[in-house]
Each structure stands twice: as structure tokens, then as C-alpha cells.
Amino acid sequence: MERYLITTESYVYAKDDKAAKSLAGYIQGKQRKQYDNQHCVTRLEYAPFGAGFSDKNLLEGEIL
């Protein structure tokens, strides 16, 4: 069996940065457990609806 890398993006709703980081960590753990892979969240950005994207990575220097 061959190995492939997939890159995905998801929008999540959270009350603040801390809650968004927690949710990202939960999703990462769920993926690792369910698919036995090395799922890793590398970027988390604030993205209000209709306002575009932020260049600020909220996970800069952190490991979930």
C-alpha cells in the first residue's frame, strides 16, 4: 500500500481562541485514534464570516 499526504481545511465555531485551540486538539486526537495516522494541526486562524483570512497563526510555536 502506498502512502499519501492529504491537506484539508475546516471551519469551526468557538467562543474564543482558547476554545478554538481546544477544539482543534480534540479533532486532531479523534483523527489519530480513528485512522491510526499522524494527524497534525499546523495552523489555526481567526476567520470571521465574510471578512477573509488572518495571516496570524494562533498556534505559532505551540504543539497540541
C-alpha atoms as a PDB file:
ATOM      1  CA  MET A   1       0.000   0.000   0.000  1.00  0.00           C
ATOM      2  CA  GLU A   2       1.292   3.464  -0.892  1.00  0.00           C
ATOM      3  CA  ARG A   3       1.354   6.433   1.487  1.00  0.00           C
ATOM      4  CA  TYR A   4      -0.214   9.812   0.620  1.00  0.00           C
ATOM      5  CA  LEU A   5      -0.479  13.187   2.320  1.00  0.00           C
ATOM      6  CA  ILE A   6      -3.819  14.994   2.254  1.00  0.00           C
ATOM      7  CA  THR A   7      -4.208  18.592   3.298  1.00  0.00           C
ATOM      8  CA  THR A   8      -7.604  19.811   4.442  1.00  0.00           C
ATOM      9  CA  GLU A   9      -9.123  22.962   5.878  1.00  0.00           C
ATOM     10  CA  SER A  10     -12.140  23.175   8.149  1.00  0.00           C
ATOM     11  CA  TYR A  11     -14.124  25.986   9.684  1.00  0.00           C
ATOM     12  CA  VAL A  12     -15.108  25.553  13.326  1.00  0.00           C
ATOM     13  CA  TYR A  13     -17.101  27.813  15.602  1.00  0.00           C
ATOM     14  CA  ALA A  14     -15.780  28.631  19.082  1.00  0.00           C
ATOM     15  CA  LYS A  15     -16.320  31.387  21.640  1.00  0.00           C
ATOM     16  CA  ASP A  16     -12.643  32.434  21.755  1.00  0.00           C
ATOM     17  CA  ASP A  17      -9.065  31.476  20.766  1.00  0.00           C
ATOM     18  CA  LYS A  18      -8.676  29.124  23.730  1.00  0.00           C
ATOM     19  CA  ALA A  19     -11.843  27.204  22.844  1.00  0.00           C
ATOM     20  CA  ALA A  20     -10.772  27.031  19.173  1.00  0.00           C
ATOM     21  CA  LYS A  21      -7.380  25.575  20.182  1.00  0.00           C
ATOM     22  CA  SER A  22      -9.120  23.036  22.392  1.00  0.00           C
ATOM     23  CA  LEU A  23     -11.439  22.005  19.569  1.00  0.00           C
ATOM     24  CA  ALA A  24      -8.509  21.720  17.155  1.00  0.00           C
ATOM     25  CA  GLY A  25      -6.727  19.449  19.641  1.00  0.00           C
ATOM     26  CA  TYR A  26      -9.859  17.327  20.008  1.00  0.00           C
ATOM     27  CA  ILE A  27     -10.226  16.925  16.241  1.00  0.00           C
ATOM     28  CA  GLN A  28      -6.545  16.053  15.931  1.00  0.00           C
ATOM     29  CA  GLY A  29      -6.826  13.378  18.613  1.00  0.00           C
ATOM     30  CA  LYS A  30     -10.014  11.952  17.111  1.00  0.00           C
ATOM     31  CA  GLN A  31      -8.365  11.630  13.694  1.00  0.00           C
ATOM     32  CA  ARG A  32      -5.291   9.948  15.158  1.00  0.00           C
ATOM     33  CA  LYS A  33      -7.379   7.466  17.120  1.00  0.00           C
ATOM     34  CA  GLN A  34      -9.886   6.666  14.382  1.00  0.00           C
ATOM     35  CA  TYR A  35      -7.468   6.351  11.461  1.00  0.00           C
ATOM     36  CA  ASP A  36      -4.213   5.438  13.246  1.00  0.00           C
ATOM     37  CA  ASN A  37      -2.386   8.243  11.470  1.00  0.00           C
ATOM     38  CA  GLN A  38      -0.143  11.143  12.380  1.00  0.00           C
ATOM     39  CA  HIS A  39      -2.834  13.815  12.009  1.00  0.00           C
ATOM     40  CA  CYS A  40      -1.343  17.156  12.982  1.00  0.00           C
ATOM     41  CA  VAL A  41      -2.933  20.598  13.220  1.00  0.00           C
ATOM     42  CA  THR A  42      -0.318  23.040  11.916  1.00  0.00           C
ATOM     43  CA  ARG A  43      -2.286  26.258  11.594  1.00  0.00           C
ATOM     44  CA  LEU A  44      -5.237  27.907  13.313  1.00  0.00           C
ATOM     45  CA  GLU A  45      -6.508  31.263  12.056  1.00  0.00           C
ATOM     46  CA  TYR A  46      -9.276  33.612  13.107  1.00  0.00           C
ATOM     47  CA  ALA A  47     -11.667  33.801  10.127  1.00  0.00           C
ATOM     48  CA  PRO A  48     -14.824  35.831  10.749  1.00  0.00           C
ATOM     49  CA  PHE A  49     -17.560  35.175   8.184  1.00  0.00           C
ATOM     50  CA  GLY A  50     -17.250  37.448   5.143  1.00  0.00           C
ATOM     51  CA  ALA A  51     -14.052  39.120   6.356  1.00  0.00           C
ATOM     52  CA  GLY A  52     -11.380  36.987   4.704  1.00  0.00           C
ATOM     53  CA  PHE A  53      -8.446  35.382   6.464  1.00  0.00           C
ATOM     54  CA  SER A  54      -5.937  36.435   9.054  1.00  0.00           C
ATOM     55  CA  ASP A  55      -2.213  35.955   8.486  1.00  0.00           C
ATOM     56  CA  LYS A  56      -1.739  35.248  12.192  1.00  0.00           C
ATOM     57  CA  ASN A  57      -1.230  31.592  13.111  1.00  0.00           C
ATOM     58  CA  LEU A  58      -2.777  31.169  16.571  1.00  0.00           C
ATOM     59  CA  LEU A  59      -0.700  28.010  17.096  1.00  0.00           C
ATOM     60  CA  GLU A  60       2.681  29.619  16.354  1.00  0.00           C
ATOM     61  CA  GLY A  61       5.261  27.734  18.388  1.00  0.00           C
ATOM     62  CA  GLU A  62       2.661  25.525  20.141  1.00  0.00           C
ATOM     63  CA  ILE A  63       2.092  21.807  19.913  1.00  0.00           C
ATOM     64  CA  LEU A  64      -1.409  20.483  20.510  1.00  0.00           C
END
